[in-house]
């Protein structure tokens, strides 16, 4: 920063100019520059090529629930840093940084509300929070979301976005896989549907557990979905994988998904599904 910029920023009566980063968004798919305001108003979908950008819980809830009105569920309290883990940074410092950057407590947030008049409890994983990784906090939040859905007699809808289990919690993170599976069984015993919407990316232990156990499996266009990475698979089987492997459209063609739904049509599609699966559960 030059001396004149430092002087300008120290003067309260001199308006600060917005930088290019604050005004423009560069699409990672087509490379086109789009006004950030236009991009955000389009639900973070590129108006040039339809690439679906990653969004967090607040944006998702605002677009999904009727009138943008919803009630966030309380955040479950879990033991932080149970293994006293440290690599290049302490785990507690990484959590603190993620909370400061996102304003969230952990990678999974729940809220209850209505979708075109149909009651639902919705969970959203945020990839911006430590890669949406699954640890004790995510497992506890998932269980809390299921219990709220059972109490409200409505479906539980989960939007997945994760790089897998949280390595800083070791075996405790892997234990969330059977925990969430049992929670889904509780939902089924109550006669309530479990709907999964996979967003970019959904990988690792999340794919190997609750992301693939939905009564209905949806995904957003172009979402990366898989367990191991493509390079790992290719080096293991020593073969070149097909074009578009592990993308939502490829998985739809091969029977692993029921639907690939554009973000702008998700609210309508989810309301339709809830209406089919919960005939007597209208608000």
C-alpha atoms as a PDB file:
ATOM      1  CA  UNK A   1       0.000   0.000   0.000  1.00  0.00           C
ATOM      2  CA  UNK A   2       1.401   3.400  -0.989  1.00  0.00           C
ATOM      3  CA  UNK A   3       1.674   6.311   1.437  1.00  0.00           C
ATOM      4  CA  UNK A   4      -1.150   8.207  -0.267  1.00  0.00           C
ATOM      5  CA  UNK A   5      -3.506   5.211   0.080  1.00  0.00           C
ATOM      6  CA  UNK A   6      -2.679   5.007   3.777  1.00  0.00           C
ATOM      7  CA  UNK A   7      -3.428   8.723   4.162  1.00  0.00           C
ATOM      8  CA  UNK A   8      -6.721   8.428   2.252  1.00  0.00           C
ATOM      9  CA  UNK A   9      -7.900   5.491   4.354  1.00  0.00           C
ATOM     10  CA  UNK A  10      -7.103   7.387   7.553  1.00  0.00           C
ATOM     11  CA  UNK A  11      -9.328  10.317   6.527  1.00  0.00           C
ATOM     12  CA  UNK A  12     -12.959   9.689   7.595  1.00  0.00           C
ATOM     13  CA  UNK A  13     -14.411  12.131   5.042  1.00  0.00           C
ATOM     14  CA  UNK A  14     -12.811  10.435   2.024  1.00  0.00           C
ATOM     15  CA  UNK A  15     -15.065   7.648   0.752  1.00  0.00           C
ATOM     16  CA  UNK A  16     -13.330   4.334   0.198  1.00  0.00           C
ATOM     17  CA  UNK A  17     -13.705   2.943  -3.320  1.00  0.00           C
ATOM     18  CA  UNK A  18     -14.886  -0.614  -3.749  1.00  0.00           C
ATOM     19  CA  UNK A  19     -12.257  -2.908  -5.182  1.00  0.00           C
ATOM     20  CA  UNK A  20     -12.763  -5.217  -8.170  1.00  0.00           C
ATOM     21  CA  UNK A  21     -12.996  -8.178  -5.777  1.00  0.00           C
ATOM     22  CA  UNK A  22     -15.953  -6.531  -4.037  1.00  0.00           C
ATOM     23  CA  UNK A  23     -17.772  -5.669  -7.259  1.00  0.00           C
ATOM     24  CA  UNK A  24     -17.128  -8.649  -9.520  1.00  0.00           C
ATOM     25  CA  UNK A  25     -17.322 -12.439  -9.357  1.00  0.00           C
ATOM     26  CA  UNK A  26     -15.304 -14.564 -11.762  1.00  0.00           C
ATOM     27  CA  UNK A  27     -17.130 -17.767 -12.652  1.00  0.00           C
ATOM     28  CA  UNK A  28     -14.811 -20.771 -12.101  1.00  0.00           C
ATOM     29  CA  UNK A  29     -16.557 -22.645 -14.923  1.00  0.00           C
ATOM     30  CA  UNK A  30     -16.797 -20.218 -17.858  1.00  0.00           C
ATOM     31  CA  UNK A  31     -14.341 -17.576 -16.605  1.00  0.00           C
ATOM     32  CA  UNK A  32     -16.809 -14.732 -17.231  1.00  0.00           C
ATOM     33  CA  UNK A  33     -16.896 -11.741 -14.913  1.00  0.00           C
ATOM     34  CA  UNK A  34     -20.308 -11.161 -13.357  1.00  0.00           C
ATOM     35  CA  UNK A  35     -21.423  -8.355 -11.042  1.00  0.00           C
ATOM     36  CA  UNK A  36     -21.313  -9.886  -7.553  1.00  0.00           C
ATOM     37  CA  UNK A  37     -24.707  -8.381  -6.717  1.00  0.00           C
ATOM     38  CA  UNK A  38     -26.243  -9.943  -9.829  1.00  0.00           C
ATOM     39  CA  UNK A  39     -24.589 -13.276  -8.999  1.00  0.00           C
ATOM     40  CA  UNK A  40     -25.895 -13.294  -5.429  1.00  0.00           C
ATOM     41  CA  UNK A  41     -29.395 -12.232  -6.493  1.00  0.00           C
ATOM     42  CA  UNK A  42     -29.375 -15.208  -8.873  1.00  0.00           C
ATOM     43  CA  UNK A  43     -28.815 -17.549  -5.889  1.00  0.00           C
ATOM     44  CA  UNK A  44     -25.097 -17.782  -6.726  1.00  0.00           C
ATOM     45  CA  UNK A  45     -25.816 -19.362 -10.107  1.00  0.00           C
ATOM     46  CA  UNK A  46     -23.758 -17.992 -13.012  1.00  0.00           C
ATOM     47  CA  UNK A  47     -26.144 -16.233 -15.456  1.00  0.00           C
ATOM     48  CA  UNK A  48     -23.737 -16.978 -18.314  1.00  0.00           C
ATOM     49  CA  UNK A  49     -23.172 -20.748 -18.009  1.00  0.00           C
ATOM     50  CA  UNK A  50     -25.513 -21.847 -15.161  1.00  0.00           C
ATOM     51  CA  UNK A  51     -22.646 -22.984 -12.939  1.00  0.00           C
ATOM     52  CA  UNK A  52     -23.925 -23.506  -9.379  1.00  0.00           C
ATOM     53  CA  UNK A  53     -21.679 -21.792  -6.850  1.00  0.00           C
ATOM     54  CA  UNK A  54     -21.421 -22.901  -3.239  1.00  0.00           C
ATOM     55  CA  UNK A  55     -23.717 -21.199  -0.752  1.00  0.00           C
ATOM     56  CA  UNK A  56     -24.104 -21.348   3.018  1.00  0.00           C
ATOM     57  CA  UNK A  57     -27.036 -22.056   5.334  1.00  0.00           C
ATOM     58  CA  UNK A  58     -28.385 -18.498   5.504  1.00  0.00           C
ATOM     59  CA  UNK A  59     -28.638 -18.127   1.720  1.00  0.00           C
ATOM     60  CA  UNK A  60     -30.104 -21.613   1.409  1.00  0.00           C
ATOM     61  CA  UNK A  61     -32.755 -21.055   4.086  1.00  0.00           C
ATOM     62  CA  UNK A  62     -33.719 -17.643   2.674  1.00  0.00           C
ATOM     63  CA  UNK A  63     -34.313 -19.119  -0.787  1.00  0.00           C
ATOM     64  CA  UNK A  64     -36.057 -22.269   0.406  1.00  0.00           C
ATOM     65  CA  UNK A  65     -38.503 -21.326   3.152  1.00  0.00           C
ATOM     66  CA  UNK A  66     -41.723 -19.414   2.496  1.00  0.00           C
ATOM     67  CA  UNK A  67     -41.058 -15.687   2.649  1.00  0.00           C
ATOM     68  CA  UNK A  68     -37.524 -16.389   3.858  1.00  0.00           C
ATOM     69  CA  UNK A  69     -39.017 -17.027   7.318  1.00  0.00           C
ATOM     70  CA  UNK A  70     -37.616 -19.839   9.435  1.00  0.00           C
ATOM     71  CA  UNK A  71     -36.608 -20.728  12.978  1.00  0.00           C
ATOM     72  CA  UNK A  72     -33.007 -21.911  13.483  1.00  0.00           C
ATOM     73  CA  UNK A  73     -32.652 -24.933  15.732  1.00  0.00           C
ATOM     74  CA  UNK A  74     -30.459 -24.632  18.839  1.00  0.00           C
ATOM     75  CA  UNK A  75     -26.850 -25.651  18.286  1.00  0.00           C
ATOM     76  CA  UNK A  76     -25.979 -28.874  20.173  1.00  0.00           C
ATOM     77  CA  UNK A  77     -23.075 -28.588  22.585  1.00  0.00           C
ATOM     78  CA  UNK A  78     -20.270 -31.080  22.012  1.00  0.00           C
ATOM     79  CA  UNK A  79     -16.802 -31.538  23.402  1.00  0.00           C
ATOM     80  CA  UNK A  80     -14.323 -29.491  21.385  1.00  0.00           C
ATOM     81  CA  UNK A  81     -10.890 -30.825  20.498  1.00  0.00           C
ATOM     82  CA  UNK A  82     -11.409 -34.178  22.288  1.00  0.00           C
ATOM     83  CA  UNK A  83      -8.036 -35.511  21.049  1.00  0.00           C
ATOM     84  CA  UNK A  84      -6.041 -32.295  21.720  1.00  0.00           C
ATOM     85  CA  UNK A  85      -5.045 -32.417  18.057  1.00  0.00           C
ATOM     86  CA  UNK A  86      -2.356 -30.243  16.570  1.00  0.00           C
ATOM     87  CA  UNK A  87      -0.686 -30.189  13.157  1.00  0.00           C
ATOM     88  CA  UNK A  88       0.694 -26.938  11.761  1.00  0.00           C
ATOM     89  CA  UNK A  89      -1.980 -25.223  13.900  1.00  0.00           C
ATOM     90  CA  UNK A  90      -3.967 -26.226  16.938  1.00  0.00           C
ATOM     91  CA  UNK A  91      -7.406 -27.655  16.161  1.00  0.00           C
ATOM     92  CA  UNK A  92      -9.064 -25.146  18.483  1.00  0.00           C
ATOM     93  CA  UNK A  93      -7.457 -22.339  16.485  1.00  0.00           C
ATOM     94  CA  UNK A  94      -8.810 -23.795  13.230  1.00  0.00           C
ATOM     95  CA  UNK A  95     -12.307 -23.984  14.715  1.00  0.00           C
ATOM     96  CA  UNK A  96     -12.041 -20.401  15.957  1.00  0.00           C
ATOM     97  CA  UNK A  97     -10.933 -19.193  12.529  1.00  0.00           C
ATOM     98  CA  UNK A  98     -13.788 -21.058  10.795  1.00  0.00           C
ATOM     99  CA  UNK A  99     -16.331 -19.554  13.175  1.00  0.00           C
ATOM    100  CA  UNK A 100     -14.975 -16.067  12.602  1.00  0.00           C
ATOM    101  CA  UNK A 101     -15.036 -16.505   8.813  1.00  0.00           C
ATOM    102  CA  UNK A 102     -18.538 -18.009   8.562  1.00  0.00           C
ATOM    103  CA  UNK A 103     -20.354 -16.777  11.658  1.00  0.00           C
ATOM    104  CA  UNK A 104     -21.468 -20.375  12.286  1.00  0.00           C
ATOM    105  CA  UNK A 105     -20.776 -22.714  15.199  1.00  0.00           C
ATOM    106  CA  UNK A 106     -20.070 -25.797  13.087  1.00  0.00           C
ATOM    107  CA  UNK A 107     -20.484 -27.166   9.570  1.00  0.00           C
ATOM    108  CA  UNK A 108     -24.162 -28.216   9.839  1.00  0.00           C
ATOM    109  CA  UNK A 109     -27.028 -25.870  10.658  1.00  0.00           C
ATOM    110  CA  UNK A 110     -30.728 -26.758  11.017  1.00  0.00           C
ATOM    111  CA  UNK A 111     -33.900 -24.718  10.702  1.00  0.00           C
ATOM    112  CA  UNK A 112     -37.643 -25.383  10.680  1.00  0.00           C
ATOM    113  CA  UNK A 113     -40.209 -23.650   8.504  1.00  0.00           C
ATOM    114  CA  UNK A 114     -42.589 -24.218   5.615  1.00  0.00           C
ATOM    115  CA  UNK A 115     -41.909 -24.883   1.931  1.00  0.00           C
ATOM    116  CA  UNK A 116     -44.957 -23.822  -0.091  1.00  0.00           C
ATOM    117  CA  UNK A 117     -47.051 -24.436   3.000  1.00  0.00           C
ATOM    118  CA  UNK A 118     -45.499 -27.802   3.830  1.00  0.00           C
ATOM    119  CA  UNK A 119     -43.669 -28.135   7.141  1.00  0.00           C
ATOM    120  CA  UNK A 120     -40.064 -29.307   7.034  1.00  0.00           C
ATOM    121  CA  UNK A 121     -36.884 -29.376   9.051  1.00  0.00           C
ATOM    122  CA  UNK A 122     -33.909 -28.587   6.834  1.00  0.00           C
ATOM    123  CA  UNK A 123     -30.217 -29.135   7.522  1.00  0.00           C
ATOM    124  CA  UNK A 124     -27.503 -27.433   5.474  1.00  0.00           C
ATOM    125  CA  UNK A 125     -23.814 -28.254   5.488  1.00  0.00           C
ATOM    126  CA  UNK A 126     -21.466 -25.387   4.756  1.00  0.00           C
ATOM    127  CA  UNK A 127     -18.319 -26.285   2.842  1.00  0.00           C
ATOM    128  CA  UNK A 128     -16.828 -22.962   3.931  1.00  0.00           C
ATOM    129  CA  UNK A 129     -16.633 -24.300   7.500  1.00  0.00           C
ATOM    130  CA  UNK A 130     -13.549 -26.541   7.427  1.00  0.00           C
ATOM    131  CA  UNK A 131     -14.658 -28.145   4.179  1.00  0.00           C
ATOM    132  CA  UNK A 132     -18.016 -29.109   5.665  1.00  0.00           C
ATOM    133  CA  UNK A 133     -16.175 -31.897   7.465  1.00  0.00           C
ATOM    134  CA  UNK A 134     -18.108 -34.324   9.645  1.00  0.00           C
ATOM    135  CA  UNK A 135     -17.162 -34.369  13.309  1.00  0.00           C
ATOM    136  CA  UNK A 136     -18.925 -34.532  16.658  1.00  0.00           C
ATOM    137  CA  UNK A 137     -20.698 -31.238  16.018  1.00  0.00           C
ATOM    138  CA  UNK A 138     -22.091 -32.344  12.657  1.00  0.00           C
ATOM    139  CA  UNK A 139     -23.224 -35.687  14.049  1.00  0.00           C
ATOM    140  CA  UNK A 140     -24.975 -34.026  16.986  1.00  0.00           C
ATOM    141  CA  UNK A 141     -26.628 -31.434  14.713  1.00  0.00           C
ATOM    142  CA  UNK A 142     -27.843 -34.159  12.333  1.00  0.00           C
ATOM    143  CA  UNK A 143     -29.414 -36.069  15.232  1.00  0.00           C
ATOM    144  CA  UNK A 144     -30.990 -32.851  16.538  1.00  0.00           C
ATOM    145  CA  UNK A 145     -32.492 -32.181  13.109  1.00  0.00           C
ATOM    146  CA  UNK A 146     -33.973 -35.689  12.926  1.00  0.00           C
ATOM    147  CA  UNK A 147     -35.418 -35.401  16.445  1.00  0.00           C
ATOM    148  CA  UNK A 148     -36.984 -32.024  15.573  1.00  0.00           C
ATOM    149  CA  UNK A 149     -38.539 -33.527  12.428  1.00  0.00           C
ATOM    150  CA  UNK A 150     -39.993 -36.408  14.460  1.00  0.00           C
ATOM    151  CA  UNK A 151     -41.386 -33.966  16.999  1.00  0.00           C
ATOM    152  CA  UNK A 152     -42.938 -31.816  14.244  1.00  0.00           C
ATOM    153  CA  UNK A 153     -44.177 -34.864  12.260  1.00  0.00           C
ATOM    154  CA  UNK A 154     -42.492 -33.617   9.107  1.00  0.00           C
ATOM    155  CA  UNK A 155     -39.661 -34.731   6.794  1.00  0.00           C
ATOM    156  CA  UNK A 156     -36.004 -34.033   7.358  1.00  0.00           C
ATOM    157  CA  UNK A 157     -34.277 -32.539   4.312  1.00  0.00           C
ATOM    158  CA  UNK A 158     -30.487 -32.439   4.282  1.00  0.00           C
ATOM    159  CA  UNK A 159     -28.284 -30.445   1.897  1.00  0.00           C
ATOM    160  CA  UNK A 160     -24.892 -32.143   1.927  1.00  0.00           C
ATOM    161  CA  UNK A 161     -21.574 -30.480   1.133  1.00  0.00           C
ATOM    162  CA  UNK A 162     -18.459 -32.019   2.630  1.00  0.00           C
ATOM    163  CA  UNK A 163     -14.946 -33.198   2.045  1.00  0.00           C
ATOM    164  CA  UNK A 164     -15.582 -36.135   4.390  1.00  0.00           C
ATOM    165  CA  UNK A 165     -14.807 -36.911   8.020  1.00  0.00           C
ATOM    166  CA  UNK A 166     -12.887 -34.388  10.157  1.00  0.00           C
ATOM    167  CA  UNK A 167      -9.369 -35.730  10.533  1.00  0.00           C
ATOM    168  CA  UNK A 168      -8.698 -33.708  13.705  1.00  0.00           C
ATOM    169  CA  UNK A 169     -11.255 -35.847  15.552  1.00  0.00           C
ATOM    170  CA  UNK A 170      -9.915 -39.196  14.341  1.00  0.00           C
ATOM    171  CA  UNK A 171     -12.060 -42.250  15.089  1.00  0.00           C
ATOM    172  CA  UNK A 172     -14.665 -40.044  16.784  1.00  0.00           C
ATOM    173  CA  UNK A 173     -15.479 -38.462  13.432  1.00  0.00           C
ATOM    174  CA  UNK A 174     -15.914 -41.905  11.826  1.00  0.00           C
ATOM    175  CA  UNK A 175     -18.314 -42.874  14.615  1.00  0.00           C
ATOM    176  CA  UNK A 176     -20.709 -40.229  13.291  1.00  0.00           C
ATOM    177  CA  UNK A 177     -21.381 -42.492  10.287  1.00  0.00           C
ATOM    178  CA  UNK A 178     -23.291 -45.175  12.271  1.00  0.00           C
ATOM    179  CA  UNK A 179     -24.760 -42.473  14.523  1.00  0.00           C
ATOM    180  CA  UNK A 180     -26.401 -40.678  11.606  1.00  0.00           C
ATOM    181  CA  UNK A 181     -27.501 -44.000  10.106  1.00  0.00           C
ATOM    182  CA  UNK A 182     -29.329 -44.873  13.349  1.00  0.00           C
ATOM    183  CA  UNK A 183     -30.916 -41.408  13.347  1.00  0.00           C
ATOM    184  CA  UNK A 184     -32.303 -42.061   9.850  1.00  0.00           C
ATOM    185  CA  UNK A 185     -33.712 -45.392  11.077  1.00  0.00           C
ATOM    186  CA  UNK A 186     -35.485 -43.454  13.872  1.00  0.00           C
ATOM    187  CA  UNK A 187     -37.047 -41.190  11.241  1.00  0.00           C
ATOM    188  CA  UNK A 188     -38.256 -44.197   9.244  1.00  0.00           C
ATOM    189  CA  UNK A 189     -39.693 -45.853  12.353  1.00  0.00           C
ATOM    190  CA  UNK A 190     -41.718 -42.687  12.877  1.00  0.00           C
ATOM    191  CA  UNK A 191     -43.044 -43.057   9.314  1.00  0.00           C
ATOM    192  CA  UNK A 192     -41.397 -39.839   8.091  1.00  0.00           C
ATOM    193  CA  UNK A 193     -39.383 -39.298   4.891  1.00  0.00           C
ATOM    194  CA  UNK A 194     -35.724 -38.424   4.631  1.00  0.00           C
ATOM    195  CA  UNK A 195     -34.778 -36.377   1.560  1.00  0.00           C
ATOM    196  CA  UNK A 196     -31.187 -35.740   0.483  1.00  0.00           C
ATOM    197  CA  UNK A 197     -30.015 -32.925  -1.790  1.00  0.00           C
ATOM    198  CA  UNK A 198     -26.356 -33.369  -2.683  1.00  0.00           C
ATOM    199  CA  UNK A 199     -24.466 -30.190  -3.535  1.00  0.00           C
ATOM    200  CA  UNK A 200     -20.912 -29.556  -4.669  1.00  0.00           C
ATOM    201  CA  UNK A 201     -18.923 -31.311  -3.298  1.00  0.00           C
ATOM    202  CA  UNK A 202     -20.262 -34.334  -1.387  1.00  0.00           C
ATOM    203  CA  UNK A 203     -17.462 -36.807  -0.731  1.00  0.00           C
ATOM    204  CA  UNK A 204     -15.783 -39.127   1.762  1.00  0.00           C
ATOM    205  CA  UNK A 205     -17.502 -40.372   4.899  1.00  0.00           C
ATOM    206  CA  UNK A 206     -20.554 -38.197   4.309  1.00  0.00           C
ATOM    207  CA  UNK A 207     -21.176 -39.951   0.986  1.00  0.00           C
ATOM    208  CA  UNK A 208     -20.555 -43.287   2.706  1.00  0.00           C
ATOM    209  CA  UNK A 209     -23.255 -42.600   5.295  1.00  0.00           C
ATOM    210  CA  UNK A 210     -26.216 -40.233   5.400  1.00  0.00           C
ATOM    211  CA  UNK A 211     -25.784 -38.694   1.937  1.00  0.00           C
ATOM    212  CA  UNK A 212     -26.658 -41.967   0.211  1.00  0.00           C
ATOM    213  CA  UNK A 213     -29.507 -43.109   2.475  1.00  0.00           C
ATOM    214  CA  UNK A 214     -32.303 -40.804   1.333  1.00  0.00           C
ATOM    215  CA  UNK A 215     -35.760 -41.993   0.425  1.00  0.00           C
ATOM    216  CA  UNK A 216     -35.321 -39.611  -2.491  1.00  0.00           C
ATOM    217  CA  UNK A 217     -31.870 -38.623  -3.774  1.00  0.00           C
ATOM    218  CA  UNK A 218     -31.533 -35.230  -5.470  1.00  0.00           C
ATOM    219  CA  UNK A 219     -28.495 -33.254  -6.569  1.00  0.00           C
ATOM    220  CA  UNK A 220     -27.699 -29.858  -8.004  1.00  0.00           C
ATOM    221  CA  UNK A 221     -26.306 -29.695 -11.557  1.00  0.00           C
ATOM    222  CA  UNK A 222     -22.586 -30.383 -11.857  1.00  0.00           C
ATOM    223  CA  UNK A 223     -22.170 -31.387  -8.207  1.00  0.00           C
ATOM    224  CA  UNK A 224     -19.102 -33.510  -7.451  1.00  0.00           C
ATOM    225  CA  UNK A 225     -20.293 -36.648  -5.652  1.00  0.00           C
ATOM    226  CA  UNK A 226     -18.138 -39.591  -4.669  1.00  0.00           C
ATOM    227  CA  UNK A 227     -16.136 -41.334  -1.973  1.00  0.00           C
ATOM    228  CA  UNK A 228     -12.476 -41.345  -3.014  1.00  0.00           C
ATOM    229  CA  UNK A 229     -11.014 -38.759  -5.372  1.00  0.00           C
ATOM    230  CA  UNK A 230     -10.739 -39.405  -9.083  1.00  0.00           C
ATOM    231  CA  UNK A 231      -6.932 -39.480  -9.090  1.00  0.00           C
ATOM    232  CA  UNK A 232      -6.918 -42.003  -6.236  1.00  0.00           C
ATOM    233  CA  UNK A 233      -9.324 -44.265  -8.119  1.00  0.00           C
ATOM    234  CA  UNK A 234      -7.373 -44.004 -11.365  1.00  0.00           C
ATOM    235  CA  UNK A 235      -4.083 -44.837  -9.663  1.00  0.00           C
ATOM    236  CA  UNK A 236      -5.733 -47.805  -7.919  1.00  0.00           C
ATOM    237  CA  UNK A 237      -7.458 -49.389 -10.911  1.00  0.00           C
ATOM    238  CA  UNK A 238      -4.848 -48.107 -13.396  1.00  0.00           C
ATOM    239  CA  UNK A 239      -7.501 -47.010 -15.839  1.00  0.00           C
ATOM    240  CA  UNK A 240      -8.711 -43.686 -17.160  1.00  0.00           C
ATOM    241  CA  UNK A 241     -12.144 -42.825 -15.795  1.00  0.00           C
ATOM    242  CA  UNK A 242     -14.941 -41.691 -18.127  1.00  0.00           C
ATOM    243  CA  UNK A 243     -15.655 -38.031 -18.813  1.00  0.00           C
ATOM    244  CA  UNK A 244     -17.837 -36.465 -16.125  1.00  0.00           C
ATOM    245  CA  UNK A 245     -17.235 -39.309 -13.678  1.00  0.00           C
ATOM    246  CA  UNK A 246     -18.534 -38.480 -10.163  1.00  0.00           C
ATOM    247  CA  UNK A 247     -20.620 -35.588 -11.448  1.00  0.00           C
ATOM    248  CA  UNK A 248     -24.351 -35.439 -10.708  1.00  0.00           C
ATOM    249  CA  UNK A 249     -25.441 -36.026 -14.302  1.00  0.00           C
ATOM    250  CA  UNK A 250     -23.246 -39.133 -14.634  1.00  0.00           C
ATOM    251  CA  UNK A 251     -24.623 -40.578 -11.393  1.00  0.00           C
ATOM    252  CA  UNK A 252     -28.178 -39.879 -12.533  1.00  0.00           C
ATOM    253  CA  UNK A 253     -27.557 -41.792 -15.762  1.00  0.00           C
ATOM    254  CA  UNK A 254     -26.155 -44.729 -13.763  1.00  0.00           C
ATOM    255  CA  UNK A 255     -28.983 -44.981 -11.227  1.00  0.00           C
ATOM    256  CA  UNK A 256     -27.411 -43.452  -8.119  1.00  0.00           C
ATOM    257  CA  UNK A 257     -29.646 -40.368  -8.148  1.00  0.00           C
ATOM    258  CA  UNK A 258     -33.354 -39.862  -8.656  1.00  0.00           C
ATOM    259  CA  UNK A 259     -33.188 -36.299  -9.940  1.00  0.00           C
ATOM    260  CA  UNK A 260     -30.812 -33.486 -10.815  1.00  0.00           C
ATOM    261  CA  UNK A 261     -32.636 -30.241 -10.062  1.00  0.00           C
ATOM    262  CA  UNK A 262     -31.647 -26.670 -10.873  1.00  0.00           C
ATOM    263  CA  UNK A 263     -31.295 -24.473  -7.784  1.00  0.00           C
ATOM    264  CA  UNK A 264     -34.065 -22.166  -8.978  1.00  0.00           C
ATOM    265  CA  UNK A 265     -36.503 -25.097  -9.077  1.00  0.00           C
ATOM    266  CA  UNK A 266     -35.466 -26.831  -5.845  1.00  0.00           C
ATOM    267  CA  UNK A 267     -38.087 -25.160  -3.672  1.00  0.00           C
ATOM    268  CA  UNK A 268     -40.884 -26.182  -6.022  1.00  0.00           C
ATOM    269  CA  UNK A 269     -39.550 -29.738  -6.387  1.00  0.00           C
ATOM    270  CA  UNK A 270     -39.091 -30.256  -2.647  1.00  0.00           C
ATOM    271  CA  UNK A 271     -42.617 -28.997  -1.968  1.00  0.00           C
ATOM    272  CA  UNK A 272     -43.946 -31.459  -4.538  1.00  0.00           C
ATOM    273  CA  UNK A 273     -42.037 -34.364  -2.988  1.00  0.00           C
ATOM    274  CA  UNK A 274     -43.145 -33.490   0.536  1.00  0.00           C
ATOM    275  CA  UNK A 275     -46.723 -33.294  -0.713  1.00  0.00           C
ATOM    276  CA  UNK A 276     -46.415 -36.807  -2.178  1.00  0.00           C
ATOM    277  CA  UNK A 277     -44.693 -38.323   0.847  1.00  0.00           C
ATOM    278  CA  UNK A 278     -46.559 -36.506   3.641  1.00  0.00           C
ATOM    279  CA  UNK A 279     -50.133 -36.239   2.426  1.00  0.00           C
ATOM    280  CA  UNK A 280     -51.514 -35.505   5.896  1.00  0.00           C
ATOM    281  CA  UNK A 281     -48.679 -33.327   7.142  1.00  0.00           C
ATOM    282  CA  UNK A 282     -49.605 -29.963   5.623  1.00  0.00           C
ATOM    283  CA  UNK A 283     -49.127 -26.936   7.886  1.00  0.00           C
END
